Amino acid sequence: MLTVDFGLLAIRGGERVLDVGCGPGRHSWHVCKLDHCSVYAMDYDLESLQKAKWMLYQMDNENETKGEWATLQGNALRLPFRDGAFDKIIC
């Protein structure tokens, strides 16, 4: 179940999206299906992050992804990105 209204978020093709606290990745999965978007799935919990990564790999294998993705373990209070690195952030 998605808890983000992607209609309101208005992600356009080619945008870079950060999914902070991605958990098992359900919002990241959705972004990967959009037109050439890049999604960065980030979570502090390694087990959740591994689930997200596994599913994103499965989606790649089924040719369901249209954009790029990456997973990373990190703390939302200390983001390892420069200001302005993303067009949209899901948290």
PDB file of N, CA and C in Angstrom:
ATOM      1  N   MET A   1       0.839  -1.181   0.000  1.00  0.00           N
ATOM      2  CA  MET A   1       0.000   0.000   0.000  1.00  0.00           C
ATOM      3  C   MET A   1       0.882   1.241   0.000  1.00  0.00           C
ATOM      4  N   LEU A   2       0.621   2.139  -0.928  1.00  0.00           N
ATOM      5  CA  LEU A   2       1.346   3.401  -0.986  1.00  0.00           C
ATOM      6  C   LEU A   2       0.714   4.396  -0.023  1.00  0.00           C
ATOM      7  N   THR A   3       1.554   5.113   0.711  1.00  0.00           N
ATOM      8  CA  THR A   3       1.062   6.127   1.640  1.00  0.00           C
ATOM      9  C   THR A   3       1.400   7.531   1.154  1.00  0.00           C
ATOM     10  N   VAL A   4       1.964   7.615  -0.032  1.00  0.00           N
ATOM     11  CA  VAL A   4       2.280   8.893  -0.659  1.00  0.00           C
ATOM     12  C   VAL A   4       1.344   9.068  -1.849  1.00  0.00           C
ATOM     13  N   ASP A   5       0.781  10.247  -1.989  1.00  0.00           N
ATOM     14  CA  ASP A   5      -0.051  10.551  -3.150  1.00  0.00           C
ATOM     15  C   ASP A   5       0.872  11.020  -4.264  1.00  0.00           C
ATOM     16  N   PHE A   6       1.232  10.098  -5.147  1.00  0.00           N
ATOM     17  CA  PHE A   6       2.163  10.427  -6.214  1.00  0.00           C
ATOM     18  C   PHE A   6       1.586  11.422  -7.207  1.00  0.00           C
ATOM     19  N   GLY A   7       0.274  11.564  -7.240  1.00  0.00           N
ATOM     20  CA  GLY A   7      -0.339  12.595  -8.068  1.00  0.00           C
ATOM     21  C   GLY A   7       0.014  13.990  -7.565  1.00  0.00           C
ATOM     22  N   LEU A   8       0.055  14.154  -6.252  1.00  0.00           N
ATOM     23  CA  LEU A   8       0.422  15.445  -5.669  1.00  0.00           C
ATOM     24  C   LEU A   8       1.931  15.679  -5.724  1.00  0.00           C
ATOM     25  N   LEU A   9       2.700  14.604  -5.625  1.00  0.00           N
ATOM     26  CA  LEU A   9       4.157  14.738  -5.645  1.00  0.00           C
ATOM     27  C   LEU A   9       4.661  15.137  -7.035  1.00  0.00           C
ATOM     28  N   ALA A  10       3.929  14.760  -8.053  1.00  0.00           N
ATOM     29  CA  ALA A  10       4.194  15.163  -9.444  1.00  0.00           C
ATOM     30  C   ALA A  10       5.642  14.924  -9.875  1.00  0.00           C
ATOM     31  N   ILE A  11       6.075  13.692  -9.767  1.00  0.00           N
ATOM     32  CA  ILE A  11       7.415  13.332 -10.216  1.00  0.00           C
ATOM     33  C   ILE A  11       7.409  13.272 -11.737  1.00  0.00           C
ATOM     34  N   ARG A  12       8.337  13.993 -12.345  1.00  0.00           N
ATOM     35  CA  ARG A  12       8.452  14.027 -13.799  1.00  0.00           C
ATOM     36  C   ARG A  12       9.634  13.178 -14.252  1.00  0.00           C
ATOM     37  N   GLY A  13       9.608  12.784 -15.496  1.00  0.00           N
ATOM     38  CA  GLY A  13      10.669  11.979 -16.069  1.00  0.00           C
ATOM     39  C   GLY A  13      12.041  12.600 -15.867  1.00  0.00           C
ATOM     40  N   GLY A  14      12.994  11.783 -15.482  1.00  0.00           N
ATOM     41  CA  GLY A  14      14.369  12.230 -15.317  1.00  0.00           C
ATOM     42  C   GLY A  14      14.697  12.822 -13.960  1.00  0.00           C
ATOM     43  N   GLU A  15      13.718  12.957 -13.072  1.00  0.00           N
ATOM     44  CA  GLU A  15      14.000  13.555 -11.773  1.00  0.00           C
ATOM     45  C   GLU A  15      14.728  12.575 -10.847  1.00  0.00           C
ATOM     46  N   ARG A  16      15.446  13.159  -9.893  1.00  0.00           N
ATOM     47  CA  ARG A  16      16.156  12.385  -8.871  1.00  0.00           C
ATOM     48  C   ARG A  16      15.340  12.449  -7.587  1.00  0.00           C
ATOM     49  N   VAL A  17      15.037  11.268  -7.020  1.00  0.00           N
ATOM     50  CA  VAL A  17      14.165  11.176  -5.854  1.00  0.00           C
ATOM     51  C   VAL A  17      14.899  10.450  -4.729  1.00  0.00           C
ATOM     52  N   LEU A  18      14.832  11.005  -3.532  1.00  0.00           N
ATOM     53  CA  LEU A  18      15.381  10.371  -2.342  1.00  0.00           C
ATOM     54  C   LEU A  18      14.222   9.847  -1.505  1.00  0.00           C
ATOM     55  N   ASP A  19      14.264   8.562  -1.174  1.00  0.00           N
ATOM     56  CA  ASP A  19      13.260   7.941  -0.309  1.00  0.00           C
ATOM     57  C   ASP A  19      13.917   7.705   1.047  1.00  0.00           C
ATOM     58  N   VAL A  20      13.742   8.657   1.967  1.00  0.00           N
ATOM     59  CA  VAL A  20      14.357   8.604   3.297  1.00  0.00           C
ATOM     60  C   VAL A  20      13.499   7.741   4.212  1.00  0.00           C
ATOM     61  N   GLY A  21      14.122   6.777   4.871  1.00  0.00           N
ATOM     62  CA  GLY A  21      13.366   5.854   5.707  1.00  0.00           C
ATOM     63  C   GLY A  21      12.531   4.938   4.839  1.00  0.00           C
ATOM     64  N   CYS A  22      13.155   4.395   3.800  1.00  0.00           N
ATOM     65  CA  CYS A  22      12.427   3.639   2.771  1.00  0.00           C
ATOM     66  C   CYS A  22      11.820   2.336   3.279  1.00  0.00           C
ATOM     67  N   GLY A  23      12.285   1.825   4.423  1.00  0.00           N
ATOM     68  CA  GLY A  23      11.770   0.538   4.884  1.00  0.00           C
ATOM     69  C   GLY A  23      12.018  -0.512   3.814  1.00  0.00           C
ATOM     70  N   PRO A  24      11.057  -1.399   3.554  1.00  0.00           N
ATOM     71  CA  PRO A  24      11.262  -2.414   2.527  1.00  0.00           C
ATOM     72  C   PRO A  24      11.145  -1.870   1.095  1.00  0.00           C
ATOM     73  N   GLY A  25      10.853  -0.585   0.934  1.00  0.00           N
ATOM     74  CA  GLY A  25      11.001   0.063  -0.362  1.00  0.00           C
ATOM     75  C   GLY A  25       9.784   0.285  -1.223  1.00  0.00           C
ATOM     76  N   ARG A  26       8.584   0.176  -0.692  1.00  0.00           N
ATOM     77  CA  ARG A  26       7.399   0.240  -1.555  1.00  0.00           C
ATOM     78  C   ARG A  26       7.300   1.533  -2.359  1.00  0.00           C
ATOM     79  N   HIS A  27       7.714   2.664  -1.798  1.00  0.00           N
ATOM     80  CA  HIS A  27       7.657   3.912  -2.563  1.00  0.00           C
ATOM     81  C   HIS A  27       8.783   3.973  -3.596  1.00  0.00           C
ATOM     82  N   SER A  28       9.937   3.439  -3.247  1.00  0.00           N
ATOM     83  CA  SER A  28      11.050   3.373  -4.205  1.00  0.00           C
ATOM     84  C   SER A  28      10.680   2.503  -5.399  1.00  0.00           C
ATOM     85  N   TRP A  29       9.989   1.395  -5.150  1.00  0.00           N
ATOM     86  CA  TRP A  29       9.560   0.510  -6.245  1.00  0.00           C
ATOM     87  C   TRP A  29       8.703   1.288  -7.233  1.00  0.00           C
ATOM     88  N   HIS A  30       7.796   2.092  -6.680  1.00  0.00           N
ATOM     89  CA  HIS A  30       6.890   2.862  -7.542  1.00  0.00           C
ATOM     90  C   HIS A  30       7.673   3.871  -8.383  1.00  0.00           C
ATOM     91  N   VAL A  31       8.614   4.583  -7.751  1.00  0.00           N
ATOM     92  CA  VAL A  31       9.386   5.592  -8.486  1.00  0.00           C
ATOM     93  C   VAL A  31      10.195   4.940  -9.608  1.00  0.00           C
ATOM     94  N   CYS A  32      10.714   3.738  -9.372  1.00  0.00           N
ATOM     95  CA  CYS A  32      11.507   3.038 -10.393  1.00  0.00           C
ATOM     96  C   CYS A  32      10.706   2.712 -11.640  1.00  0.00           C
ATOM     97  N   LYS A  33       9.407   2.675 -11.517  1.00  0.00           N
ATOM     98  CA  LYS A  33       8.564   2.376 -12.667  1.00  0.00           C
ATOM     99  C   LYS A  33       8.263   3.626 -13.493  1.00  0.00           C
ATOM    100  N   LEU A  34       8.645   4.798 -12.974  1.00  0.00           N
ATOM    101  CA  LEU A  34       8.378   6.058 -13.673  1.00  0.00           C
ATOM    102  C   LEU A  34       9.451   6.333 -14.717  1.00  0.00           C
ATOM    103  N   ASP A  35       9.160   7.205 -15.630  1.00  0.00           N
ATOM    104  CA  ASP A  35       9.979   7.504 -16.801  1.00  0.00           C
ATOM    105  C   ASP A  35      11.379   8.021 -16.456  1.00  0.00           C
ATOM    106  N   HIS A  36      12.341   7.137 -16.516  1.00  0.00           N
ATOM    107  CA  HIS A  36      13.760   7.472 -16.373  1.00  0.00           C
ATOM    108  C   HIS A  36      14.098   8.280 -15.122  1.00  0.00           C
ATOM    109  N   CYS A  37      13.428   7.996 -14.032  1.00  0.00           N
ATOM    110  CA  CYS A  37      13.744   8.639 -12.768  1.00  0.00           C
ATOM    111  C   CYS A  37      14.847   7.853 -12.060  1.00  0.00           C
ATOM    112  N   SER A  38      15.597   8.537 -11.224  1.00  0.00           N
ATOM    113  CA  SER A  38      16.590   7.892 -10.379  1.00  0.00           C
ATOM    114  C   SER A  38      16.078   7.954  -8.950  1.00  0.00           C
ATOM    115  N   VAL A  39      16.075   6.814  -8.263  1.00  0.00           N
ATOM    116  CA  VAL A  39      15.616   6.795  -6.882  1.00  0.00           C
ATOM    117  C   VAL A  39      16.736   6.264  -6.004  1.00  0.00           C
ATOM    118  N   TYR A  40      16.899   6.902  -4.864  1.00  0.00           N
ATOM    119  CA  TYR A  40      17.871   6.500  -3.858  1.00  0.00           C
ATOM    120  C   TYR A  40      17.085   6.100  -2.622  1.00  0.00           C
ATOM    121  N   ALA A  41      17.075   4.799  -2.340  1.00  0.00           N
ATOM    122  CA  ALA A  41      16.344   4.253  -1.193  1.00  0.00           C
ATOM    123  C   ALA A  41      17.290   4.219  -0.004  1.00  0.00           C
ATOM    124  N   MET A  42      16.980   4.975   1.031  1.00  0.00           N
ATOM    125  CA  MET A  42      17.862   5.087   2.188  1.00  0.00           C
ATOM    126  C   MET A  42      17.121   4.707   3.462  1.00  0.00           C
ATOM    127  N   ASP A  43      17.765   3.902   4.283  1.00  0.00           N
ATOM    128  CA  ASP A  43      17.201   3.542   5.573  1.00  0.00           C
ATOM    129  C   ASP A  43      18.338   3.247   6.536  1.00  0.00           C
ATOM    130  N   TYR A  44      18.075   3.422   7.807  1.00  0.00           N
ATOM    131  CA  TYR A  44      19.056   3.110   8.857  1.00  0.00           C
ATOM    132  C   TYR A  44      19.076   1.616   9.148  1.00  0.00           C
ATOM    133  N   ASP A  45      17.912   0.970   8.988  1.00  0.00           N
ATOM    134  CA  ASP A  45      17.759  -0.450   9.303  1.00  0.00           C
ATOM    135  C   ASP A  45      18.249  -1.311   8.135  1.00  0.00           C
ATOM    136  N   LEU A  46      19.318  -2.049   8.357  1.00  0.00           N
ATOM    137  CA  LEU A  46      19.933  -2.839   7.297  1.00  0.00           C
ATOM    138  C   LEU A  46      19.008  -3.938   6.773  1.00  0.00           C
ATOM    139  N   GLU A  47      18.241  -4.580   7.636  1.00  0.00           N
ATOM    140  CA  GLU A  47      17.340  -5.657   7.191  1.00  0.00           C
ATOM    141  C   GLU A  47      16.273  -5.127   6.232  1.00  0.00           C
ATOM    142  N   SER A  48      15.676  -3.994   6.568  1.00  0.00           N
ATOM    143  CA  SER A  48      14.685  -3.379   5.671  1.00  0.00           C
ATOM    144  C   SER A  48      15.322  -2.992   4.350  1.00  0.00           C
ATOM    145  N   LEU A  49      16.511  -2.444   4.412  1.00  0.00           N
ATOM    146  CA  LEU A  49      17.215  -2.019   3.214  1.00  0.00           C
ATOM    147  C   LEU A  49      17.547  -3.205   2.307  1.00  0.00           C
ATOM    148  N   GLN A  50      17.904  -4.328   2.893  1.00  0.00           N
ATOM    149  CA  GLN A  50      18.182  -5.528   2.109  1.00  0.00           C
ATOM    150  C   GLN A  50      16.921  -6.023   1.403  1.00  0.00           C
ATOM    151  N   LYS A  51      15.770  -5.903   2.045  1.00  0.00           N
ATOM    152  CA  LYS A  51      14.503  -6.280   1.408  1.00  0.00           C
ATOM    153  C   LYS A  51      14.207  -5.362   0.224  1.00  0.00           C
ATOM    154  N   ALA A  52      14.435  -4.069   0.411  1.00  0.00           N
ATOM    155  CA  ALA A  52      14.216  -3.114  -0.678  1.00  0.00           C
ATOM    156  C   ALA A  52      15.126  -3.428  -1.858  1.00  0.00           C
ATOM    157  N   LYS A  53      16.387  -3.686  -1.569  1.00  0.00           N
ATOM    158  CA  LYS A  53      17.356  -3.984  -2.626  1.00  0.00           C
ATOM    159  C   LYS A  53      16.986  -5.264  -3.371  1.00  0.00           C
ATOM    160  N   TRP A  54      16.582  -6.295  -2.643  1.00  0.00           N
ATOM    161  CA  TRP A  54      16.195  -7.560  -3.265  1.00  0.00           C
ATOM    162  C   TRP A  54      15.030  -7.342  -4.233  1.00  0.00           C
ATOM    163  N   MET A  55      14.018  -6.589  -3.800  1.00  0.00           N
ATOM    164  CA  MET A  55      12.857  -6.359  -4.643  1.00  0.00           C
ATOM    165  C   MET A  55      13.217  -5.522  -5.873  1.00  0.00           C
ATOM    166  N   LEU A  56      14.067  -4.528  -5.706  1.00  0.00           N
ATOM    167  CA  LEU A  56      14.493  -3.717  -6.842  1.00  0.00           C
ATOM    168  C   LEU A  56      15.266  -4.565  -7.854  1.00  0.00           C
ATOM    169  N   TYR A  57      16.086  -5.478  -7.384  1.00  0.00           N
ATOM    170  CA  TYR A  57      16.766  -6.419  -8.293  1.00  0.00           C
ATOM    171  C   TYR A  57      15.751  -7.289  -9.039  1.00  0.00           C
ATOM    172  N   GLN A  58      14.749  -7.770  -8.328  1.00  0.00           N
ATOM    173  CA  GLN A  58      13.713  -8.588  -8.966  1.00  0.00           C
ATOM    174  C   GLN A  58      12.987  -7.791 -10.045  1.00  0.00           C
ATOM    175  N   MET A  59      12.700  -6.539  -9.743  1.00  0.00           N
ATOM    176  CA  MET A  59      12.039  -5.683 -10.721  1.00  0.00           C
ATOM    177  C   MET A  59      12.925  -5.474 -11.952  1.00  0.00           C
ATOM    178  N   ASP A  60      14.232  -5.312 -11.736  1.00  0.00           N
ATOM    179  CA  ASP A  60      15.162  -5.207 -12.864  1.00  0.00           C
ATOM    180  C   ASP A  60      15.105  -6.463 -13.723  1.00  0.00           C
ATOM    181  N   ASN A  61      15.127  -7.616 -13.073  1.00  0.00           N
ATOM    182  CA  ASN A  61      15.113  -8.894 -13.788  1.00  0.00           C
ATOM    183  C   ASN A  61      13.838  -9.096 -14.596  1.00  0.00           C
ATOM    184  N   GLU A  62      12.741  -8.498 -14.158  1.00  0.00           N
ATOM    185  CA  GLU A  62      11.459  -8.603 -14.856  1.00  0.00           C
ATOM    186  C   GLU A  62      11.233  -7.427 -15.817  1.00  0.00           C
ATOM    187  N   ASN A  63      12.256  -6.591 -15.986  1.00  0.00           N
ATOM    188  CA  ASN A  63      12.180  -5.411 -16.857  1.00  0.00           C
ATOM    189  C   ASN A  63      11.054  -4.459 -16.461  1.00  0.00           C
ATOM    190  N   GLU A  64      10.813  -4.328 -15.177  1.00  0.00           N
ATOM    191  CA  GLU A  64       9.776  -3.421 -14.675  1.00  0.00           C
ATOM    192  C   GLU A  64      10.319  -2.031 -14.369  1.00  0.00           C
ATOM    193  N   THR A  65      11.636  -1.896 -14.239  1.00  0.00           N
ATOM    194  CA  THR A  65      12.207  -0.594 -13.903  1.00  0.00           C
ATOM    195  C   THR A  65      12.495   0.183 -15.177  1.00  0.00           C
ATOM    196  N   LYS A  66      12.261   1.480 -15.106  1.00  0.00           N
ATOM    197  CA  LYS A  66      12.544   2.356 -16.242  1.00  0.00           C
ATOM    198  C   LYS A  66      13.679   3.319 -15.932  1.00  0.00           C
ATOM    199  N   GLY A  67      14.044   3.404 -14.673  1.00  0.00           N
ATOM    200  CA  GLY A  67      15.090   4.331 -14.271  1.00  0.00           C
ATOM    201  C   GLY A  67      16.173   3.619 -13.491  1.00  0.00           C
ATOM    202  N   GLU A  68      17.017   4.404 -12.864  1.00  0.00           N
ATOM    203  CA  GLU A  68      18.114   3.874 -12.065  1.00  0.00           C
ATOM    204  C   GLU A  68      17.733   3.908 -10.595  1.00  0.00           C
ATOM    205  N   TRP A  69      18.415   3.068  -9.816  1.00  0.00           N
ATOM    206  CA  TRP A  69      18.171   3.046  -8.383  1.00  0.00           C
ATOM    207  C   TRP A  69      19.449   2.696  -7.640  1.00  0.00           C
ATOM    208  N   ALA A  70      19.466   3.080  -6.389  1.00  0.00           N
ATOM    209  CA  ALA A  70      20.565   2.726  -5.494  1.00  0.00           C
ATOM    210  C   ALA A  70      19.990   2.623  -4.087  1.00  0.00           C
ATOM    211  N   THR A  71      20.591   1.767  -3.285  1.00  0.00           N
ATOM    212  CA  THR A  71      20.205   1.669  -1.871  1.00  0.00           C
ATOM    213  C   THR A  71      21.402   2.064  -1.025  1.00  0.00           C
ATOM    214  N   LEU A  72      21.133   2.698   0.105  1.00  0.00           N
ATOM    215  CA  LEU A  72      22.214   3.049   1.004  1.00  0.00           C
ATOM    216  C   LEU A  72      21.722   3.120   2.433  1.00  0.00           C
ATOM    217  N   GLN A  73      22.580   2.682   3.319  1.00  0.00           N
ATOM    218  CA  GLN A  73      22.263   2.760   4.735  1.00  0.00           C
ATOM    219  C   GLN A  73      22.704   4.132   5.217  1.00  0.00           C
ATOM    220  N   GLY A  74      21.815   4.813   5.912  1.00  0.00           N
ATOM    221  CA  GLY A  74      22.158   6.148   6.373  1.00  0.00           C
ATOM    222  C   GLY A  74      21.185   6.665   7.410  1.00  0.00           C
ATOM    223  N   ASN A  75      21.576   7.748   8.032  1.00  0.00           N
ATOM    224  CA  ASN A  75      20.823   8.399   9.084  1.00  0.00           C
ATOM    225  C   ASN A  75      20.151   9.646   8.508  1.00  0.00           C
ATOM    226  N   ALA A  76      18.857   9.747   8.667  1.00  0.00           N
ATOM    227  CA  ALA A  76      18.107  10.886   8.128  1.00  0.00           C
ATOM    228  C   ALA A  76      18.549  12.217   8.745  1.00  0.00           C
ATOM    229  N   LEU A  77      19.185  12.181   9.907  1.00  0.00           N
ATOM    230  CA  LEU A  77      19.660  13.405  10.541  1.00  0.00           C
ATOM    231  C   LEU A  77      21.015  13.850  10.012  1.00  0.00           C
ATOM    232  N   ARG A  78      21.661  12.991   9.246  1.00  0.00           N
ATOM    233  CA  ARG A  78      22.973  13.300   8.672  1.00  0.00           C
ATOM    234  C   ARG A  78      23.012  12.805   7.222  1.00  0.00           C
ATOM    235  N   LEU A  79      22.285  13.465   6.363  1.00  0.00           N
ATOM    236  CA  LEU A  79      22.202  13.045   4.970  1.00  0.00           C
ATOM    237  C   LEU A  79      23.554  13.226   4.267  1.00  0.00           C
ATOM    238  N   PRO A  80      24.003  12.200   3.553  1.00  0.00           N
ATOM    239  CA  PRO A  80      25.318  12.268   2.891  1.00  0.00           C
ATOM    240  C   PRO A  80      25.260  12.856   1.479  1.00  0.00           C
ATOM    241  N   PHE A  81      24.437  13.883   1.293  1.00  0.00           N
ATOM    242  CA  PHE A  81      24.266  14.486  -0.026  1.00  0.00           C
ATOM    243  C   PHE A  81      24.416  15.997   0.083  1.00  0.00           C
ATOM    244  N   ARG A  82      24.827  16.604  -1.014  1.00  0.00           N
ATOM    245  CA  ARG A  82      24.915  18.062  -1.033  1.00  0.00           C
ATOM    246  C   ARG A  82      23.508  18.653  -1.153  1.00  0.00           C
ATOM    247  N   ASP A  83      23.346  19.879  -0.745  1.00  0.00           N
ATOM    248  CA  ASP A  83      22.065  20.564  -0.888  1.00  0.00           C
ATOM    249  C   ASP A  83      21.663  20.611  -2.356  1.00  0.00           C
ATOM    250  N   GLY A  84      20.402  20.400  -2.619  1.00  0.00           N
ATOM    251  CA  GLY A  84      19.879  20.487  -3.974  1.00  0.00           C
ATOM    252  C   GLY A  84      20.154  19.264  -4.840  1.00  0.00           C
ATOM    253  N   ALA A  85      20.602  18.167  -4.220  1.00  0.00           N
ATOM    254  CA  ALA A  85      20.947  16.963  -4.992  1.00  0.00           C
ATOM    255  C   ALA A  85      19.715  16.247  -5.547  1.00  0.00           C
ATOM    256  N   PHE A  86      18.530  16.516  -4.983  1.00  0.00           N
ATOM    257  CA  PHE A  86      17.319  15.788  -5.377  1.00  0.00           C
ATOM    258  C   PHE A  86      16.225  16.752  -5.784  1.00  0.00           C
ATOM    259  N   ASP A  87      15.389  16.265  -6.697  1.00  0.00           N
ATOM    260  CA  ASP A  87      14.232  17.055  -7.128  1.00  0.00           C
ATOM    261  C   ASP A  87      13.050  16.863  -6.177  1.00  0.00           C
ATOM    262  N   LYS A  88      12.920  15.640  -5.638  1.00  0.00           N
ATOM    263  CA  LYS A  88      11.829  15.322  -4.707  1.00  0.00           C
ATOM    264  C   LYS A  88      12.380  14.430  -3.601  1.00  0.00           C
ATOM    265  N   ILE A  89      11.802  14.572  -2.404  1.00  0.00           N
ATOM    266  CA  ILE A  89      12.183  13.716  -1.276  1.00  0.00           C
ATOM    267  C   ILE A  89      10.920  13.137  -0.665  1.00  0.00           C
ATOM    268  N   ILE A  90      10.942  11.825  -0.465  1.00  0.00           N
ATOM    269  CA  ILE A  90       9.862  11.113   0.226  1.00  0.00           C
ATOM    270  C   ILE A  90      10.399  10.756   1.599  1.00  0.00           C
ATOM    271  N   CYS A  91       9.642  11.076   2.639  1.00  0.00           N
ATOM    272  CA  CYS A  91      10.100  10.781   3.983  1.00  0.00           C
ATOM    273  C   CYS A  91       8.937  10.323   4.825  1.00  0.00           C
TER     274      CYS A  91
END
